[in-house]
Amino acid sequence: MPGTAEGTFTTSDGCVIAYMLHPAPRAGAPRAALVHSLALDRNIWNGVAAELAPHAHHVGQPALDRVNAEGAQYGIHMIKAEDGATRLEVGGRLTGMPVLPKLIDDGARLNLLGLNG
Protein backbone atom coordinates (compact mmCIF):
# COMPACT_ATOMS: atom_id res chain seq x y z
CA MET A 1 0.00 0.00 0.00
CA PRO A 2 1.28 3.51 -0.68
CA GLY A 3 2.61 5.35 2.34
CA THR A 4 3.18 2.28 4.47
CA ALA A 5 6.35 1.54 6.40
CA GLU A 6 7.49 -1.94 7.37
CA GLY A 7 9.92 -3.08 10.03
CA THR A 8 10.83 -5.77 12.53
CA PHE A 9 11.90 -5.97 16.14
CA THR A 10 13.17 -8.81 18.30
CA THR A 11 11.59 -9.63 21.66
CA SER A 12 13.66 -10.42 24.73
CA ASP A 13 13.23 -14.16 24.07
CA GLY A 14 14.51 -13.86 20.49
CA CYS A 15 11.19 -13.86 18.59
CA VAL A 16 11.24 -11.62 15.51
CA ILE A 17 8.05 -9.57 15.13
CA ALA A 18 7.28 -7.95 11.78
CA TYR A 19 4.92 -4.99 11.49
CA MET A 20 3.46 -2.57 8.97
CA LEU A 21 2.48 1.02 9.71
CA HIS A 22 -0.24 2.60 7.59
CA PRO A 23 -0.41 6.42 7.41
CA ALA A 24 -3.09 8.23 9.39
CA PRO A 25 -5.80 9.92 7.30
CA ARG A 26 -5.10 13.22 9.09
CA ALA A 27 -2.89 14.61 11.85
CA GLY A 28 -4.02 13.52 15.30
CA ALA A 29 -6.24 10.72 14.02
CA PRO A 30 -6.72 7.77 16.39
CA ARG A 31 -4.67 4.66 15.61
CA ALA A 32 -5.66 1.00 15.49
CA ALA A 33 -3.61 -2.15 15.99
CA LEU A 34 -4.65 -5.15 13.90
CA VAL A 35 -3.20 -8.37 15.29
CA HIS A 36 -3.29 -11.86 13.80
CA SER A 37 -2.39 -15.38 14.90
CA LEU A 38 1.03 -16.93 14.39
CA ALA A 39 -0.24 -18.95 11.44
CA LEU A 40 -0.97 -15.81 9.41
CA ASP A 41 0.96 -12.95 7.87
CA ARG A 42 0.45 -9.22 8.52
CA ASN A 43 -0.67 -8.79 4.91
CA ILE A 44 -4.02 -10.36 5.83
CA TRP A 45 -4.98 -6.89 7.08
CA ASN A 46 -4.15 -4.95 3.89
CA GLY A 47 -7.73 -4.91 2.63
CA VAL A 48 -9.14 -4.17 6.07
CA ALA A 49 -6.70 -1.29 6.65
CA ALA A 50 -7.67 0.18 3.28
CA GLU A 51 -11.37 0.09 4.22
CA LEU A 52 -11.17 1.49 7.74
CA ALA A 53 -12.87 4.87 7.87
CA PRO A 54 -10.93 7.98 8.87
CA HIS A 55 -12.91 8.08 12.14
CA ALA A 56 -11.69 5.37 14.48
CA HIS A 57 -13.85 3.64 17.06
CA HIS A 58 -15.88 1.81 14.48
CA VAL A 59 -15.59 -1.00 12.01
CA GLY A 60 -17.38 -0.05 8.81
CA GLN A 61 -19.82 -2.29 7.01
CA PRO A 62 -17.39 -2.96 4.12
CA ALA A 63 -14.86 -4.42 6.57
CA LEU A 64 -17.54 -6.54 8.26
CA ASP A 65 -18.77 -7.73 4.87
CA ARG A 66 -15.23 -8.79 4.04
CA VAL A 67 -14.93 -10.67 7.35
CA ASN A 68 -18.21 -12.46 6.59
CA ALA A 69 -17.13 -13.29 3.03
CA GLU A 70 -13.47 -14.22 3.58
CA GLY A 71 -12.77 -14.33 7.30
CA ALA A 72 -13.35 -18.06 7.82
CA GLN A 73 -10.36 -18.97 5.67
CA TYR A 74 -8.23 -16.96 8.13
CA GLY A 75 -9.94 -18.11 11.32
CA ILE A 76 -11.98 -14.90 11.77
CA HIS A 77 -15.73 -15.08 12.46
CA MET A 78 -18.46 -12.73 13.66
CA ILE A 79 -20.37 -14.41 16.47
CA LYS A 80 -23.00 -13.58 19.06
CA ALA A 81 -21.16 -13.67 22.40
CA GLU A 82 -22.64 -14.89 25.69
CA ASP A 83 -23.45 -11.30 26.66
CA GLY A 84 -25.57 -10.94 23.49
CA ALA A 85 -23.14 -8.60 21.73
CA THR A 86 -21.70 -9.38 18.31
CA ARG A 87 -17.95 -9.75 18.48
CA LEU A 88 -15.16 -10.87 16.22
CA GLU A 89 -13.66 -14.23 17.03
CA VAL A 90 -10.06 -14.49 15.87
CA GLY A 91 -8.29 -17.82 16.09
CA GLY A 92 -10.93 -19.14 18.48
CA ARG A 93 -10.71 -16.16 20.85
CA LEU A 94 -13.25 -13.38 21.22
CA THR A 95 -12.09 -9.81 20.77
CA GLY A 96 -12.80 -7.47 23.66
CA MET A 97 -14.88 -4.80 21.93
CA PRO A 98 -18.36 -5.53 20.61
CA VAL A 99 -19.45 -4.54 17.10
CA LEU A 100 -21.90 -1.73 17.87
CA PRO A 101 -24.73 -1.13 15.36
CA LYS A 102 -24.60 2.66 15.87
CA LEU A 103 -20.94 2.63 14.87
CA ILE A 104 -21.42 0.39 11.81
CA ASP A 105 -24.03 2.61 10.21
CA ASP A 106 -22.25 5.61 8.65
CA GLY A 107 -25.26 7.94 9.00
CA ALA A 108 -25.76 7.09 12.69
CA ARG A 109 -22.02 7.38 13.33
CA LEU A 110 -21.87 10.82 11.72
CA ASN A 111 -24.85 11.90 13.86
CA LEU A 112 -23.04 10.72 17.01
CA LEU A 113 -19.97 12.68 15.95
CA GLY A 114 -22.10 15.77 15.20
CA LEU A 115 -20.98 15.77 11.55
CA ASN A 116 -24.34 15.36 9.80
CA GLY A 117 -26.13 18.44 8.52
C-alpha atoms as a PDB file:
ATOM      1  CA  MET A   1       0.000   0.000   0.000  1.00  0.00           C
ATOM      2  CA  PRO A   2       1.277   3.514  -0.680  1.00  0.00           C
ATOM      3  CA  GLY A   3       2.605   5.355   2.339  1.00  0.00           C
ATOM      4  CA  THR A   4       3.176   2.277   4.472  1.00  0.00           C
ATOM      5  CA  ALA A   5       6.351   1.539   6.402  1.00  0.00           C
ATOM      6  CA  GLU A   6       7.494  -1.941   7.373  1.00  0.00           C
ATOM      7  CA  GLY A   7       9.917  -3.081  10.033  1.00  0.00           C
ATOM      8  CA  THR A   8      10.826  -5.768  12.529  1.00  0.00           C
ATOM      9  CA  PHE A   9      11.904  -5.974  16.139  1.00  0.00           C
ATOM     10  CA  THR A  10      13.170  -8.813  18.302  1.00  0.00           C
ATOM     11  CA  THR A  11      11.591  -9.629  21.655  1.00  0.00           C
ATOM     12  CA  SER A  12      13.663 -10.424  24.729  1.00  0.00           C
ATOM     13  CA  ASP A  13      13.234 -14.161  24.069  1.00  0.00           C
ATOM     14  CA  GLY A  14      14.506 -13.856  20.487  1.00  0.00           C
ATOM     15  CA  CYS A  15      11.188 -13.861  18.586  1.00  0.00           C
ATOM     16  CA  VAL A  16      11.239 -11.623  15.514  1.00  0.00           C
ATOM     17  CA  ILE A  17       8.046  -9.574  15.133  1.00  0.00           C
ATOM     18  CA  ALA A  18       7.276  -7.947  11.777  1.00  0.00           C
ATOM     19  CA  TYR A  19       4.924  -4.989  11.488  1.00  0.00           C
ATOM     20  CA  MET A  20       3.465  -2.574   8.966  1.00  0.00           C
ATOM     21  CA  LEU A  21       2.483   1.023   9.710  1.00  0.00           C
ATOM     22  CA  HIS A  22      -0.241   2.603   7.594  1.00  0.00           C
ATOM     23  CA  PRO A  23      -0.413   6.415   7.408  1.00  0.00           C
ATOM     24  CA  ALA A  24      -3.091   8.230   9.390  1.00  0.00           C
ATOM     25  CA  PRO A  25      -5.796   9.921   7.296  1.00  0.00           C
ATOM     26  CA  ARG A  26      -5.104  13.218   9.085  1.00  0.00           C
ATOM     27  CA  ALA A  27      -2.892  14.610  11.850  1.00  0.00           C
ATOM     28  CA  GLY A  28      -4.016  13.521  15.303  1.00  0.00           C
ATOM     29  CA  ALA A  29      -6.243  10.717  14.015  1.00  0.00           C
ATOM     30  CA  PRO A  30      -6.717   7.766  16.392  1.00  0.00           C
ATOM     31  CA  ARG A  31      -4.667   4.659  15.608  1.00  0.00           C
ATOM     32  CA  ALA A  32      -5.664   1.003  15.494  1.00  0.00           C
ATOM     33  CA  ALA A  33      -3.611  -2.150  15.994  1.00  0.00           C
ATOM     34  CA  LEU A  34      -4.652  -5.146  13.905  1.00  0.00           C
ATOM     35  CA  VAL A  35      -3.196  -8.369  15.291  1.00  0.00           C
ATOM     36  CA  HIS A  36      -3.290 -11.863  13.797  1.00  0.00           C
ATOM     37  CA  SER A  37      -2.394 -15.377  14.899  1.00  0.00           C
ATOM     38  CA  LEU A  38       1.028 -16.926  14.388  1.00  0.00           C
ATOM     39  CA  ALA A  39      -0.240 -18.951  11.441  1.00  0.00           C
ATOM     40  CA  LEU A  40      -0.969 -15.814   9.414  1.00  0.00           C
ATOM     41  CA  ASP A  41       0.963 -12.955   7.871  1.00  0.00           C
ATOM     42  CA  ARG A  42       0.446  -9.223   8.521  1.00  0.00           C
ATOM     43  CA  ASN A  43      -0.671  -8.790   4.908  1.00  0.00           C
ATOM     44  CA  ILE A  44      -4.022 -10.360   5.832  1.00  0.00           C
ATOM     45  CA  TRP A  45      -4.980  -6.890   7.082  1.00  0.00           C
ATOM     46  CA  ASN A  46      -4.147  -4.945   3.892  1.00  0.00           C
ATOM     47  CA  GLY A  47      -7.732  -4.906   2.626  1.00  0.00           C
ATOM     48  CA  VAL A  48      -9.137  -4.165   6.070  1.00  0.00           C
ATOM     49  CA  ALA A  49      -6.701  -1.294   6.654  1.00  0.00           C
ATOM     50  CA  ALA A  50      -7.666   0.179   3.284  1.00  0.00           C
ATOM     51  CA  GLU A  51     -11.370   0.094   4.215  1.00  0.00           C
ATOM     52  CA  LEU A  52     -11.171   1.492   7.738  1.00  0.00           C
ATOM     53  CA  ALA A  53     -12.868   4.866   7.873  1.00  0.00           C
ATOM     54  CA  PRO A  54     -10.932   7.978   8.875  1.00  0.00           C
ATOM     55  CA  HIS A  55     -12.913   8.084  12.137  1.00  0.00           C
ATOM     56  CA  ALA A  56     -11.693   5.366  14.476  1.00  0.00           C
ATOM     57  CA  HIS A  57     -13.850   3.642  17.061  1.00  0.00           C
ATOM     58  CA  HIS A  58     -15.880   1.809  14.477  1.00  0.00           C
ATOM     59  CA  VAL A  59     -15.594  -0.997  12.012  1.00  0.00           C
ATOM     60  CA  GLY A  60     -17.380  -0.050   8.814  1.00  0.00           C
ATOM     61  CA  GLN A  61     -19.822  -2.291   7.012  1.00  0.00           C
ATOM     62  CA  PRO A  62     -17.395  -2.957   4.118  1.00  0.00           C
ATOM     63  CA  ALA A  63     -14.860  -4.416   6.568  1.00  0.00           C
ATOM     64  CA  LEU A  64     -17.542  -6.538   8.265  1.00  0.00           C
ATOM     65  CA  ASP A  65     -18.769  -7.726   4.865  1.00  0.00           C
ATOM     66  CA  ARG A  66     -15.235  -8.788   4.043  1.00  0.00           C
ATOM     67  CA  VAL A  67     -14.933 -10.665   7.354  1.00  0.00           C
ATOM     68  CA  ASN A  68     -18.215 -12.457   6.587  1.00  0.00           C
ATOM     69  CA  ALA A  69     -17.128 -13.286   3.033  1.00  0.00           C
ATOM     70  CA  GLU A  70     -13.469 -14.215   3.577  1.00  0.00           C
ATOM     71  CA  GLY A  71     -12.768 -14.331   7.298  1.00  0.00           C
ATOM     72  CA  ALA A  72     -13.347 -18.061   7.824  1.00  0.00           C
ATOM     73  CA  GLN A  73     -10.363 -18.965   5.666  1.00  0.00           C
ATOM     74  CA  TYR A  74      -8.229 -16.960   8.126  1.00  0.00           C
ATOM     75  CA  GLY A  75      -9.938 -18.105  11.319  1.00  0.00           C
ATOM     76  CA  ILE A  76     -11.983 -14.904  11.767  1.00  0.00           C
ATOM     77  CA  HIS A  77     -15.729 -15.078  12.463  1.00  0.00           C
ATOM     78  CA  MET A  78     -18.463 -12.733  13.656  1.00  0.00           C
ATOM     79  CA  ILE A  79     -20.370 -14.415  16.468  1.00  0.00           C
ATOM     80  CA  LYS A  80     -22.998 -13.584  19.059  1.00  0.00           C
ATOM     81  CA  ALA A  81     -21.163 -13.665  22.402  1.00  0.00           C
ATOM     82  CA  GLU A  82     -22.641 -14.892  25.685  1.00  0.00           C
ATOM     83  CA  ASP A  83     -23.454 -11.302  26.658  1.00  0.00           C
ATOM     84  CA  GLY A  84     -25.567 -10.938  23.489  1.00  0.00           C
ATOM     85  CA  ALA A  85     -23.139  -8.602  21.730  1.00  0.00           C
ATOM     86  CA  THR A  86     -21.702  -9.379  18.309  1.00  0.00           C
ATOM     87  CA  ARG A  87     -17.947  -9.747  18.479  1.00  0.00           C
ATOM     88  CA  LEU A  88     -15.156 -10.874  16.222  1.00  0.00           C
ATOM     89  CA  GLU A  89     -13.662 -14.233  17.033  1.00  0.00           C
ATOM     90  CA  VAL A  90     -10.064 -14.490  15.871  1.00  0.00           C
ATOM     91  CA  GLY A  91      -8.289 -17.824  16.088  1.00  0.00           C
ATOM     92  CA  GLY A  92     -10.932 -19.136  18.477  1.00  0.00           C
ATOM     93  CA  ARG A  93     -10.707 -16.163  20.850  1.00  0.00           C
ATOM     94  CA  LEU A  94     -13.247 -13.379  21.219  1.00  0.00           C
ATOM     95  CA  THR A  95     -12.090  -9.812  20.774  1.00  0.00           C
ATOM     96  CA  GLY A  96     -12.802  -7.468  23.660  1.00  0.00           C
ATOM     97  CA  MET A  97     -14.876  -4.803  21.933  1.00  0.00           C
ATOM     98  CA  PRO A  98     -18.364  -5.530  20.605  1.00  0.00           C
ATOM     99  CA  VAL A  99     -19.446  -4.543  17.103  1.00  0.00           C
ATOM    100  CA  LEU A 100     -21.895  -1.725  17.865  1.00  0.00           C
ATOM    101  CA  PRO A 101     -24.726  -1.134  15.363  1.00  0.00           C
ATOM    102  CA  LYS A 102     -24.600   2.658  15.870  1.00  0.00           C
ATOM    103  CA  LEU A 103     -20.945   2.632  14.868  1.00  0.00           C
ATOM    104  CA  ILE A 104     -21.419   0.386  11.814  1.00  0.00           C
ATOM    105  CA  ASP A 105     -24.028   2.609  10.209  1.00  0.00           C
ATOM    106  CA  ASP A 106     -22.253   5.607   8.653  1.00  0.00           C
ATOM    107  CA  GLY A 107     -25.255   7.941   9.003  1.00  0.00           C
ATOM    108  CA  ALA A 108     -25.761   7.093  12.687  1.00  0.00           C
ATOM    109  CA  ARG A 109     -22.016   7.379  13.331  1.00  0.00           C
ATOM    110  CA  LEU A 110     -21.871  10.818  11.724  1.00  0.00           C
ATOM    111  CA  ASN A 111     -24.855  11.904  13.861  1.00  0.00           C
ATOM    112  CA  LEU A 112     -23.041  10.722  17.006  1.00  0.00           C
ATOM    113  CA  LEU A 113     -19.969  12.683  15.952  1.00  0.00           C
ATOM    114  CA  GLY A 114     -22.097  15.767  15.204  1.00  0.00           C
ATOM    115  CA  LEU A 115     -20.976  15.766  11.554  1.00  0.00           C
ATOM    116  CA  ASN A 116     -24.343  15.363   9.797  1.00  0.00           C
ATOM    117  CA  GLY A 117     -26.130  18.442   8.517  1.00  0.00           C
END
